[in-house]
Amino acid sequence: MMLAEIVAFYGFQFTDFLTTWLGLRAGAAEVNAVMRPFVTSVPRFVIFKFGLATFLLIFVFLTAQDWLTVLHLSPMSVVYIDTIVEGAVTCSNIYTLWRVKK
């Protein structure tokens, strides 16, 4: 079961990347201040985006005993939350892309 969640996690990371890249090509502006310096180059954007996602997974699974138990969360809860947030960001990107293309 955990494999499906990780595939969904990276799938939504990819859809966020793809819709952001399409939006930037259509003339939309990057509103995320953290990502703004990295979207000027596609390779830099890909490396940062997926590197950050991989770092999150590694960090969560390596430090789960330290801080997640205090919050009463499982490591997969963090993956679920991030996947939901990425889905919402993807929806926002699609809406922005639609507005720019309109």
PDB file of N, CA and C in Angstrom:
ATOM      1  N   MET A   1       0.821  -1.202   0.000  1.00  0.00           N
ATOM      2  CA  MET A   1       0.000   0.000   0.000  1.00  0.00           C
ATOM      3  C   MET A   1       0.860   1.259   0.000  1.00  0.00           C
ATOM      4  N   MET A   2       1.999   1.229   0.666  1.00  0.00           N
ATOM      5  CA  MET A   2       2.833   2.416   0.756  1.00  0.00           C
ATOM      6  C   MET A   2       3.370   2.838  -0.613  1.00  0.00           C
ATOM      7  N   LEU A   3       3.595   1.896  -1.503  1.00  0.00           N
ATOM      8  CA  LEU A   3       4.088   2.225  -2.833  1.00  0.00           C
ATOM      9  C   LEU A   3       3.084   3.097  -3.582  1.00  0.00           C
ATOM     10  N   ALA A   4       1.808   2.791  -3.459  1.00  0.00           N
ATOM     11  CA  ALA A   4       0.774   3.583  -4.138  1.00  0.00           C
ATOM     12  C   ALA A   4       0.771   5.025  -3.641  1.00  0.00           C
ATOM     13  N   GLU A   5       0.965   5.223  -2.352  1.00  0.00           N
ATOM     14  CA  GLU A   5       0.985   6.577  -1.802  1.00  0.00           C
ATOM     15  C   GLU A   5       2.199   7.361  -2.290  1.00  0.00           C
ATOM     16  N   ILE A   6       3.336   6.693  -2.381  1.00  0.00           N
ATOM     17  CA  ILE A   6       4.540   7.378  -2.854  1.00  0.00           C
ATOM     18  C   ILE A   6       4.427   7.694  -4.340  1.00  0.00           C
ATOM     19  N   VAL A   7       3.824   6.802  -5.120  1.00  0.00           N
ATOM     20  CA  VAL A   7       3.584   7.083  -6.540  1.00  0.00           C
ATOM     21  C   VAL A   7       2.637   8.275  -6.685  1.00  0.00           C
ATOM     22  N   ALA A   8       1.585   8.323  -5.878  1.00  0.00           N
ATOM     23  CA  ALA A   8       0.666   9.469  -5.913  1.00  0.00           C
ATOM     24  C   ALA A   8       1.379  10.747  -5.492  1.00  0.00           C
ATOM     25  N   PHE A   9       2.238  10.657  -4.483  1.00  0.00           N
ATOM     26  CA  PHE A   9       3.011  11.802  -4.012  1.00  0.00           C
ATOM     27  C   PHE A   9       3.851  12.382  -5.148  1.00  0.00           C
ATOM     28  N   TYR A  10       4.634  11.530  -5.814  1.00  0.00           N
ATOM     29  CA  TYR A  10       5.462  12.007  -6.926  1.00  0.00           C
ATOM     30  C   TYR A  10       4.614  12.377  -8.142  1.00  0.00           C
ATOM     31  N   GLY A  11       3.488  11.711  -8.319  1.00  0.00           N
ATOM     32  CA  GLY A  11       2.596  12.072  -9.421  1.00  0.00           C
ATOM     33  C   GLY A  11       2.074  13.489  -9.291  1.00  0.00           C
ATOM     34  N   PHE A  12       1.655  13.857  -8.082  1.00  0.00           N
ATOM     35  CA  PHE A  12       1.184  15.229  -7.883  1.00  0.00           C
ATOM     36  C   PHE A  12       2.330  16.231  -7.900  1.00  0.00           C
ATOM     37  N   GLN A  13       3.527  15.819  -7.504  1.00  0.00           N
ATOM     38  CA  GLN A  13       4.688  16.700  -7.655  1.00  0.00           C
ATOM     39  C   GLN A  13       4.897  16.994  -9.143  1.00  0.00           C
ATOM     40  N   PHE A  14       4.758  15.940  -9.965  1.00  0.00           N
ATOM     41  CA  PHE A  14       4.945  16.117 -11.403  1.00  0.00           C
ATOM     42  C   PHE A  14       3.851  16.988 -12.004  1.00  0.00           C
ATOM     43  N   THR A  15       2.597  16.780 -11.605  1.00  0.00           N
ATOM     44  CA  THR A  15       1.529  17.612 -12.172  1.00  0.00           C
ATOM     45  C   THR A  15       1.688  19.067 -11.745  1.00  0.00           C
ATOM     46  N   ASP A  16       2.180  19.301 -10.534  1.00  0.00           N
ATOM     47  CA  ASP A  16       2.470  20.672 -10.106  1.00  0.00           C
ATOM     48  C   ASP A  16       3.567  21.263 -10.978  1.00  0.00           C
ATOM     49  N   PHE A  17       4.632  20.500 -11.206  1.00  0.00           N
ATOM     50  CA  PHE A  17       5.713  20.968 -12.078  1.00  0.00           C
ATOM     51  C   PHE A  17       5.196  21.266 -13.478  1.00  0.00           C
ATOM     52  N   LEU A  18       4.451  20.333 -14.049  1.00  0.00           N
ATOM     53  CA  LEU A  18       3.979  20.477 -15.423  1.00  0.00           C
ATOM     54  C   LEU A  18       3.043  21.669 -15.583  1.00  0.00           C
ATOM     55  N   THR A  19       2.086  21.819 -14.681  1.00  0.00           N
ATOM     56  CA  THR A  19       1.149  22.940 -14.806  1.00  0.00           C
ATOM     57  C   THR A  19       1.836  24.277 -14.528  1.00  0.00           C
ATOM     58  N   THR A  20       2.815  24.287 -13.632  1.00  0.00           N
ATOM     59  CA  THR A  20       3.582  25.519 -13.407  1.00  0.00           C
ATOM     60  C   THR A  20       4.373  25.879 -14.649  1.00  0.00           C
ATOM     61  N   TRP A  21       5.040  24.908 -15.233  1.00  0.00           N
ATOM     62  CA  TRP A  21       5.844  25.150 -16.429  1.00  0.00           C
ATOM     63  C   TRP A  21       4.972  25.626 -17.594  1.00  0.00           C
ATOM     64  N   LEU A  22       3.803  24.985 -17.783  1.00  0.00           N
ATOM     65  CA  LEU A  22       2.893  25.416 -18.850  1.00  0.00           C
ATOM     66  C   LEU A  22       2.372  26.828 -18.591  1.00  0.00           C
ATOM     67  N   GLY A  23       2.067  27.128 -17.333  1.00  0.00           N
ATOM     68  CA  GLY A  23       1.607  28.470 -16.986  1.00  0.00           C
ATOM     69  C   GLY A  23       2.665  29.519 -17.247  1.00  0.00           C
ATOM     70  N   LEU A  24       3.904  29.220 -16.903  1.00  0.00           N
ATOM     71  CA  LEU A  24       4.992  30.167 -17.151  1.00  0.00           C
ATOM     72  C   LEU A  24       5.199  30.384 -18.643  1.00  0.00           C
ATOM     73  N   ARG A  25       5.089  29.323 -19.418  1.00  0.00           N
ATOM     74  CA  ARG A  25       5.220  29.459 -20.877  1.00  0.00           C
ATOM     75  C   ARG A  25       4.084  30.274 -21.472  1.00  0.00           C
ATOM     76  N   ALA A  26       2.912  30.234 -20.819  1.00  0.00           N
ATOM     77  CA  ALA A  26       1.752  30.980 -21.319  1.00  0.00           C
ATOM     78  C   ALA A  26       1.757  32.435 -20.854  1.00  0.00           C
ATOM     79  N   GLY A  27       2.687  32.776 -19.960  1.00  0.00           N
ATOM     80  CA  GLY A  27       2.777  34.160 -19.514  1.00  0.00           C
ATOM     81  C   GLY A  27       2.368  34.419 -18.082  1.00  0.00           C
ATOM     82  N   ALA A  28       2.045  33.382 -17.338  1.00  0.00           N
ATOM     83  CA  ALA A  28       1.692  33.565 -15.925  1.00  0.00           C
ATOM     84  C   ALA A  28       2.967  33.804 -15.118  1.00  0.00           C
ATOM     85  N   ALA A  29       2.807  34.394 -13.957  1.00  0.00           N
ATOM     86  CA  ALA A  29       3.951  34.662 -13.080  1.00  0.00           C
ATOM     87  C   ALA A  29       3.988  33.634 -11.953  1.00  0.00           C
ATOM     88  N   GLU A  30       5.181  33.293 -11.522  1.00  0.00           N
ATOM     89  CA  GLU A  30       5.338  32.398 -10.365  1.00  0.00           C
ATOM     90  C   GLU A  30       5.088  33.208  -9.106  1.00  0.00           C
ATOM     91  N   VAL A  31       4.121  32.788  -8.301  1.00  0.00           N
ATOM     92  CA  VAL A  31       3.778  33.537  -7.089  1.00  0.00           C
ATOM     93  C   VAL A  31       4.460  32.966  -5.846  1.00  0.00           C
ATOM     94  N   ASN A  32       5.007  31.770  -5.937  1.00  0.00           N
ATOM     95  CA  ASN A  32       5.706  31.165  -4.806  1.00  0.00           C
ATOM     96  C   ASN A  32       7.101  31.783  -4.719  1.00  0.00           C
ATOM     97  N   ALA A  33       7.350  32.538  -3.662  1.00  0.00           N
ATOM     98  CA  ALA A  33       8.623  33.245  -3.515  1.00  0.00           C
ATOM     99  C   ALA A  33       9.810  32.292  -3.392  1.00  0.00           C
ATOM    100  N   VAL A  34       9.593  31.108  -2.848  1.00  0.00           N
ATOM    101  CA  VAL A  34      10.687  30.136  -2.708  1.00  0.00           C
ATOM    102  C   VAL A  34      11.069  29.570  -4.072  1.00  0.00           C
ATOM    103  N   MET A  35      10.088  29.307  -4.905  1.00  0.00           N
ATOM    104  CA  MET A  35      10.346  28.692  -6.208  1.00  0.00           C
ATOM    105  C   MET A  35      10.741  29.700  -7.287  1.00  0.00           C
ATOM    106  N   ARG A  36      10.416  30.958  -7.097  1.00  0.00           N
ATOM    107  CA  ARG A  36      10.640  31.978  -8.129  1.00  0.00           C
ATOM    108  C   ARG A  36      12.065  31.980  -8.691  1.00  0.00           C
ATOM    109  N   PRO A  37      13.121  31.887  -7.867  1.00  0.00           N
ATOM    110  CA  PRO A  37      14.472  31.897  -8.451  1.00  0.00           C
ATOM    111  C   PRO A  37      14.802  30.644  -9.262  1.00  0.00           C
ATOM    112  N   PHE A  38      14.064  29.570  -9.058  1.00  0.00           N
ATOM    113  CA  PHE A  38      14.395  28.303  -9.699  1.00  0.00           C
ATOM    114  C   PHE A  38      13.633  28.058 -10.996  1.00  0.00           C
ATOM    115  N   VAL A  39      12.608  28.840 -11.284  1.00  0.00           N
ATOM    116  CA  VAL A  39      11.790  28.577 -12.469  1.00  0.00           C
ATOM    117  C   VAL A  39      12.361  29.210 -13.730  1.00  0.00           C
ATOM    118  N   THR A  40      13.473  29.904 -13.612  1.00  0.00           N
ATOM    119  CA  THR A  40      14.069  30.524 -14.794  1.00  0.00           C
ATOM    120  C   THR A  40      14.718  29.496 -15.707  1.00  0.00           C
ATOM    121  N   SER A  41      15.060  28.336 -15.176  1.00  0.00           N
ATOM    122  CA  SER A  41      15.682  27.271 -15.949  1.00  0.00           C
ATOM    123  C   SER A  41      14.938  25.966 -15.658  1.00  0.00           C
ATOM    124  N   VAL A  42      14.528  25.269 -16.708  1.00  0.00           N
ATOM    125  CA  VAL A  42      13.774  24.023 -16.522  1.00  0.00           C
ATOM    126  C   VAL A  42      14.595  22.970 -15.770  1.00  0.00           C
ATOM    127  N   PRO A  43      15.864  22.726 -16.125  1.00  0.00           N
ATOM    128  CA  PRO A  43      16.617  21.726 -15.354  1.00  0.00           C
ATOM    129  C   PRO A  43      16.761  22.104 -13.874  1.00  0.00           C
ATOM    130  N   ARG A  44      16.999  23.374 -13.606  1.00  0.00           N
ATOM    131  CA  ARG A  44      17.123  23.812 -12.216  1.00  0.00           C
ATOM    132  C   ARG A  44      15.796  23.647 -11.483  1.00  0.00           C
ATOM    133  N   PHE A  45      14.709  23.947 -12.164  1.00  0.00           N
ATOM    134  CA  PHE A  45      13.372  23.805 -11.585  1.00  0.00           C
ATOM    135  C   PHE A  45      13.080  22.341 -11.264  1.00  0.00           C
ATOM    136  N   VAL A  46      13.383  21.443 -12.196  1.00  0.00           N
ATOM    137  CA  VAL A  46      13.139  20.009 -11.993  1.00  0.00           C
ATOM    138  C   VAL A  46      13.983  19.478 -10.833  1.00  0.00           C
ATOM    139  N   ILE A  47      15.261  19.828 -10.822  1.00  0.00           N
ATOM    140  CA  ILE A  47      16.148  19.337  -9.764  1.00  0.00           C
ATOM    141  C   ILE A  47      15.690  19.839  -8.404  1.00  0.00           C
ATOM    142  N   PHE A  48      15.343  21.116  -8.309  1.00  0.00           N
ATOM    143  CA  PHE A  48      14.918  21.660  -7.022  1.00  0.00           C
ATOM    144  C   PHE A  48      13.587  21.067  -6.585  1.00  0.00           C
ATOM    145  N   LYS A  49      12.625  21.001  -7.507  1.00  0.00           N
ATOM    146  CA  LYS A  49      11.281  20.523  -7.171  1.00  0.00           C
ATOM    147  C   LYS A  49      11.312  19.073  -6.681  1.00  0.00           C
ATOM    148  N   PHE A  50      11.928  18.196  -7.460  1.00  0.00           N
ATOM    149  CA  PHE A  50      11.934  16.783  -7.092  1.00  0.00           C
ATOM    150  C   PHE A  50      12.978  16.471  -6.022  1.00  0.00           C
ATOM    151  N   GLY A  51      14.033  17.268  -5.951  1.00  0.00           N
ATOM    152  CA  GLY A  51      14.990  17.122  -4.852  1.00  0.00           C
ATOM    153  C   GLY A  51      14.360  17.468  -3.523  1.00  0.00           C
ATOM    154  N   LEU A  52      13.566  18.529  -3.513  1.00  0.00           N
ATOM    155  CA  LEU A  52      12.872  18.927  -2.292  1.00  0.00           C
ATOM    156  C   LEU A  52      11.848  17.870  -1.872  1.00  0.00           C
ATOM    157  N   ALA A  53      11.148  17.310  -2.841  1.00  0.00           N
ATOM    158  CA  ALA A  53      10.165  16.262  -2.540  1.00  0.00           C
ATOM    159  C   ALA A  53      10.857  15.022  -1.973  1.00  0.00           C
ATOM    160  N   THR A  54      11.976  14.635  -2.567  1.00  0.00           N
ATOM    161  CA  THR A  54      12.718  13.475  -2.079  1.00  0.00           C
ATOM    162  C   THR A  54      13.289  13.742  -0.690  1.00  0.00           C
ATOM    163  N   PHE A  55      13.796  14.954  -0.472  1.00  0.00           N
ATOM    164  CA  PHE A  55      14.298  15.320   0.852  1.00  0.00           C
ATOM    165  C   PHE A  55      13.190  15.213   1.895  1.00  0.00           C
ATOM    166  N   LEU A  56      11.984  15.667   1.543  1.00  0.00           N
ATOM    167  CA  LEU A  56      10.862  15.576   2.478  1.00  0.00           C
ATOM    168  C   LEU A  56      10.586  14.123   2.862  1.00  0.00           C
ATOM    169  N   LEU A  57      10.550  13.237   1.870  1.00  0.00           N
ATOM    170  CA  LEU A  57      10.302  11.821   2.168  1.00  0.00           C
ATOM    171  C   LEU A  57      11.391  11.230   3.059  1.00  0.00           C
ATOM    172  N   ILE A  58      12.633  11.486   2.716  1.00  0.00           N
ATOM    173  CA  ILE A  58      13.738  10.943   3.513  1.00  0.00           C
ATOM    174  C   ILE A  58      13.701  11.506   4.926  1.00  0.00           C
ATOM    175  N   PHE A  59      13.504  12.809   5.045  1.00  0.00           N
ATOM    176  CA  PHE A  59      13.458  13.454   6.355  1.00  0.00           C
ATOM    177  C   PHE A  59      12.336  12.891   7.217  1.00  0.00           C
ATOM    178  N   VAL A  60      11.170  12.734   6.624  1.00  0.00           N
ATOM    179  CA  VAL A  60      10.016  12.235   7.379  1.00  0.00           C
ATOM    180  C   VAL A  60      10.257  10.813   7.867  1.00  0.00           C
ATOM    181  N   PHE A  61      10.775   9.952   7.002  1.00  0.00           N
ATOM    182  CA  PHE A  61      10.950   8.561   7.402  1.00  0.00           C
ATOM    183  C   PHE A  61      12.147   8.344   8.329  1.00  0.00           C
ATOM    184  N   LEU A  62      13.158   9.193   8.244  1.00  0.00           N
ATOM    185  CA  LEU A  62      14.311   9.038   9.136  1.00  0.00           C
ATOM    186  C   LEU A  62      14.087   9.653  10.514  1.00  0.00           C
ATOM    187  N   THR A  63      13.266  10.686  10.579  1.00  0.00           N
ATOM    188  CA  THR A  63      13.071  11.376  11.864  1.00  0.00           C
ATOM    189  C   THR A  63      11.682  11.146  12.441  1.00  0.00           C
ATOM    190  N   ALA A  64      10.980  10.161  11.932  1.00  0.00           N
ATOM    191  CA  ALA A  64       9.594   9.938  12.366  1.00  0.00           C
ATOM    192  C   ALA A  64       9.481   9.686  13.863  1.00  0.00           C
ATOM    193  N   GLN A  65      10.423   8.968  14.426  1.00  0.00           N
ATOM    194  CA  GLN A  65      10.342   8.657  15.856  1.00  0.00           C
ATOM    195  C   GLN A  65      10.550   9.894  16.724  1.00  0.00           C
ATOM    196  N   ASP A  66      11.247  10.873  16.212  1.00  0.00           N
ATOM    197  CA  ASP A  66      11.590  12.042  17.021  1.00  0.00           C
ATOM    198  C   ASP A  66      10.442  13.025  17.190  1.00  0.00           C
ATOM    199  N   TRP A  67       9.839  13.446  16.102  1.00  0.00           N
ATOM    200  CA  TRP A  67       8.864  14.537  16.221  1.00  0.00           C
ATOM    201  C   TRP A  67       7.457  14.164  15.795  1.00  0.00           C
ATOM    202  N   LEU A  68       7.300  13.168  14.965  1.00  0.00           N
ATOM    203  CA  LEU A  68       5.945  12.810  14.538  1.00  0.00           C
ATOM    204  C   LEU A  68       5.143  12.163  15.658  1.00  0.00           C
ATOM    205  N   THR A  69       5.828  11.435  16.542  1.00  0.00           N
ATOM    206  CA  THR A  69       5.098  10.810  17.647  1.00  0.00           C
ATOM    207  C   THR A  69       4.581  11.853  18.627  1.00  0.00           C
ATOM    208  N   VAL A  70       5.291  12.966  18.744  1.00  0.00           N
ATOM    209  CA  VAL A  70       4.816  14.060  19.605  1.00  0.00           C
ATOM    210  C   VAL A  70       3.527  14.642  19.034  1.00  0.00           C
ATOM    211  N   LEU A  71       3.456  14.719  17.718  1.00  0.00           N
ATOM    212  CA  LEU A  71       2.268  15.258  17.045  1.00  0.00           C
ATOM    213  C   LEU A  71       1.199  14.195  16.812  1.00  0.00           C
ATOM    214  N   HIS A  72       1.487  12.956  17.181  1.00  0.00           N
ATOM    215  CA  HIS A  72       0.570  11.822  16.980  1.00  0.00           C
ATOM    216  C   HIS A  72       0.253  11.619  15.494  1.00  0.00           C
ATOM    217  N   LEU A  73       1.278  11.708  14.671  1.00  0.00           N
ATOM    218  CA  LEU A  73       1.138  11.492  13.234  1.00  0.00           C
ATOM    219  C   LEU A  73       2.013  10.323  12.806  1.00  0.00           C
ATOM    220  N   SER A  74       1.572   9.633  11.787  1.00  0.00           N
ATOM    221  CA  SER A  74       2.425   8.613  11.188  1.00  0.00           C
ATOM    222  C   SER A  74       3.193   9.264  10.038  1.00  0.00           C
ATOM    223  N   PRO A  75       4.300   8.673   9.617  1.00  0.00           N
ATOM    224  CA  PRO A  75       5.028   9.249   8.478  1.00  0.00           C
ATOM    225  C   PRO A  75       4.161   9.373   7.228  1.00  0.00           C
ATOM    226  N   MET A  76       3.256   8.412   7.030  1.00  0.00           N
ATOM    227  CA  MET A  76       2.406   8.484   5.843  1.00  0.00           C
ATOM    228  C   MET A  76       1.410   9.631   5.930  1.00  0.00           C
ATOM    229  N   SER A  77       1.077  10.077   7.123  1.00  0.00           N
ATOM    230  CA  SER A  77       0.179  11.230   7.261  1.00  0.00           C
ATOM    231  C   SER A  77       0.785  12.464   6.617  1.00  0.00           C
ATOM    232  N   VAL A  78       2.091  12.644   6.793  1.00  0.00           N
ATOM    233  CA  VAL A  78       2.772  13.785   6.182  1.00  0.00           C
ATOM    234  C   VAL A  78       2.738  13.658   4.665  1.00  0.00           C
ATOM    235  N   VAL A  79       2.925  12.450   4.156  1.00  0.00           N
ATOM    236  CA  VAL A  79       2.855  12.220   2.709  1.00  0.00           C
ATOM    237  C   VAL A  79       1.447  12.511   2.204  1.00  0.00           C
ATOM    238  N   TYR A  80       0.417  12.058   2.937  1.00  0.00           N
ATOM    239  CA  TYR A  80      -0.966  12.335   2.542  1.00  0.00           C
ATOM    240  C   TYR A  80      -1.235  13.838   2.513  1.00  0.00           C
ATOM    241  N   ILE A  81      -0.812  14.535   3.550  1.00  0.00           N
ATOM    242  CA  ILE A  81      -1.055  15.981   3.635  1.00  0.00           C
ATOM    243  C   ILE A  81      -0.374  16.696   2.481  1.00  0.00           C
ATOM    244  N   ASP A  82       0.885  16.345   2.207  1.00  0.00           N
ATOM    245  CA  ASP A  82       1.592  16.991   1.103  1.00  0.00           C
ATOM    246  C   ASP A  82       0.954  16.661  -0.237  1.00  0.00           C
ATOM    247  N   THR A  83       0.491  15.441  -0.413  1.00  0.00           N
ATOM    248  CA  THR A  83      -0.167  15.064  -1.668  1.00  0.00           C
ATOM    249  C   THR A  83      -1.446  15.863  -1.869  1.00  0.00           C
ATOM    250  N   ILE A  84      -2.209  16.058  -0.810  1.00  0.00           N
ATOM    251  CA  ILE A  84      -3.435  16.861  -0.903  1.00  0.00           C
ATOM    252  C   ILE A  84      -3.101  18.313  -1.230  1.00  0.00           C
ATOM    253  N   VAL A  85      -2.079  18.851  -0.588  1.00  0.00           N
ATOM    254  CA  VAL A  85      -1.665  20.233  -0.872  1.00  0.00           C
ATOM    255  C   VAL A  85      -1.203  20.360  -2.319  1.00  0.00           C
ATOM    256  N   GLU A  86      -0.417  19.406  -2.800  1.00  0.00           N
ATOM    257  CA  GLU A  86       0.035  19.445  -4.196  1.00  0.00           C
ATOM    258  C   GLU A  86      -1.141  19.339  -5.160  1.00  0.00           C
ATOM    259  N   GLY A  87      -2.144  18.551  -4.812  1.00  0.00           N
ATOM    260  CA  GLY A  87      -3.348  18.482  -5.642  1.00  0.00           C
ATOM    261  C   GLY A  87      -4.063  19.817  -5.703  1.00  0.00           C
ATOM    262  N   ALA A  88      -4.149  20.506  -4.567  1.00  0.00           N
ATOM    263  CA  ALA A  88      -4.779  21.830  -4.539  1.00  0.00           C
ATOM    264  C   ALA A  88      -3.965  22.835  -5.343  1.00  0.00           C
ATOM    265  N   VAL A  89      -2.642  22.764  -5.238  1.00  0.00           N
ATOM    266  CA  VAL A  89      -1.777  23.664  -6.014  1.00  0.00           C
ATOM    267  C   VAL A  89      -1.938  23.391  -7.502  1.00  0.00           C
ATOM    268  N   THR A  90      -2.041  22.121  -7.874  1.00  0.00           N
ATOM    269  CA  THR A  90      -2.244  21.772  -9.279  1.00  0.00           C
ATOM    270  C   THR A  90      -3.565  22.336  -9.792  1.00  0.00           C
ATOM    271  N   CYS A  91      -4.625  22.228  -9.001  1.00  0.00           N
ATOM    272  CA  CYS A  91      -5.919  22.806  -9.392  1.00  0.00           C
ATOM    273  C   CYS A  91      -5.804  24.316  -9.563  1.00  0.00           C
ATOM    274  N   SER A  92      -5.103  24.964  -8.654  1.00  0.00           N
ATOM    275  CA  SER A  92      -4.890  26.407  -8.759  1.00  0.00           C
ATOM    276  C   SER A  92      -4.089  26.749 -10.015  1.00  0.00           C
ATOM    277  N   ASN A  93      -3.076  25.948 -10.314  1.00  0.00           N
ATOM    278  CA  ASN A  93      -2.285  26.175 -11.529  1.00  0.00           C
ATOM    279  C   ASN A  93      -3.133  26.013 -12.784  1.00  0.00           C
ATOM    280  N   ILE A  94      -3.993  25.006 -12.798  1.00  0.00           N
ATOM    281  CA  ILE A  94      -4.865  24.791 -13.962  1.00  0.00           C
ATOM    282  C   ILE A  94      -5.811  25.971 -14.129  1.00  0.00           C
ATOM    283  N   TYR A  95      -6.362  26.467 -13.037  1.00  0.00           N
ATOM    284  CA  TYR A  95      -7.247  27.633 -13.099  1.00  0.00           C
ATOM    285  C   TYR A  95      -6.484  28.862 -13.597  1.00  0.00           C
ATOM    286  N   THR A  96      -5.277  29.067 -13.096  1.00  0.00           N
ATOM    287  CA  THR A  96      -4.464  30.200 -13.548  1.00  0.00           C
ATOM    288  C   THR A  96      -4.126  30.061 -15.021  1.00  0.00           C
ATOM    289  N   LEU A  97      -3.786  28.867 -15.445  1.00  0.00           N
ATOM    290  CA  LEU A  97      -3.488  28.624 -16.856  1.00  0.00           C
ATOM    291  C   LEU A  97      -4.711  28.906 -17.714  1.00  0.00           C
ATOM    292  N   TRP A  98      -5.871  28.505 -17.258  1.00  0.00           N
ATOM    293  CA  TRP A  98      -7.115  28.774 -17.981  1.00  0.00           C
ATOM    294  C   TRP A  98      -7.361  30.285 -18.087  1.00  0.00           C
ATOM    295  N   ARG A  99      -7.136  31.015 -16.993  1.00  0.00           N
ATOM    296  CA  ARG A  99      -7.333  32.470 -17.004  1.00  0.00           C
ATOM    297  C   ARG A  99      -6.358  33.162 -17.942  1.00  0.00           C
ATOM    298  N   VAL A 100      -5.112  32.707 -17.959  1.00  0.00           N
ATOM    299  CA  VAL A 100      -4.104  33.323 -18.824  1.00  0.00           C
ATOM    300  C   VAL A 100      -4.423  33.047 -20.287  1.00  0.00           C
ATOM    301  N   LYS A 101      -4.870  31.851 -20.587  1.00  0.00           N
ATOM    302  CA  LYS A 101      -5.173  31.475 -21.974  1.00  0.00           C
ATOM    303  C   LYS A 101      -6.478  32.077 -22.476  1.00  0.00           C
ATOM    304  N   LYS A 102      -7.350  32.491 -21.581  1.00  0.00           N
ATOM    305  CA  LYS A 102      -8.681  32.987 -21.936  1.00  0.00           C
ATOM    306  C   LYS A 102      -8.639  34.295 -22.680  1.00  0.00           C
TER     307      LYS A 102
END
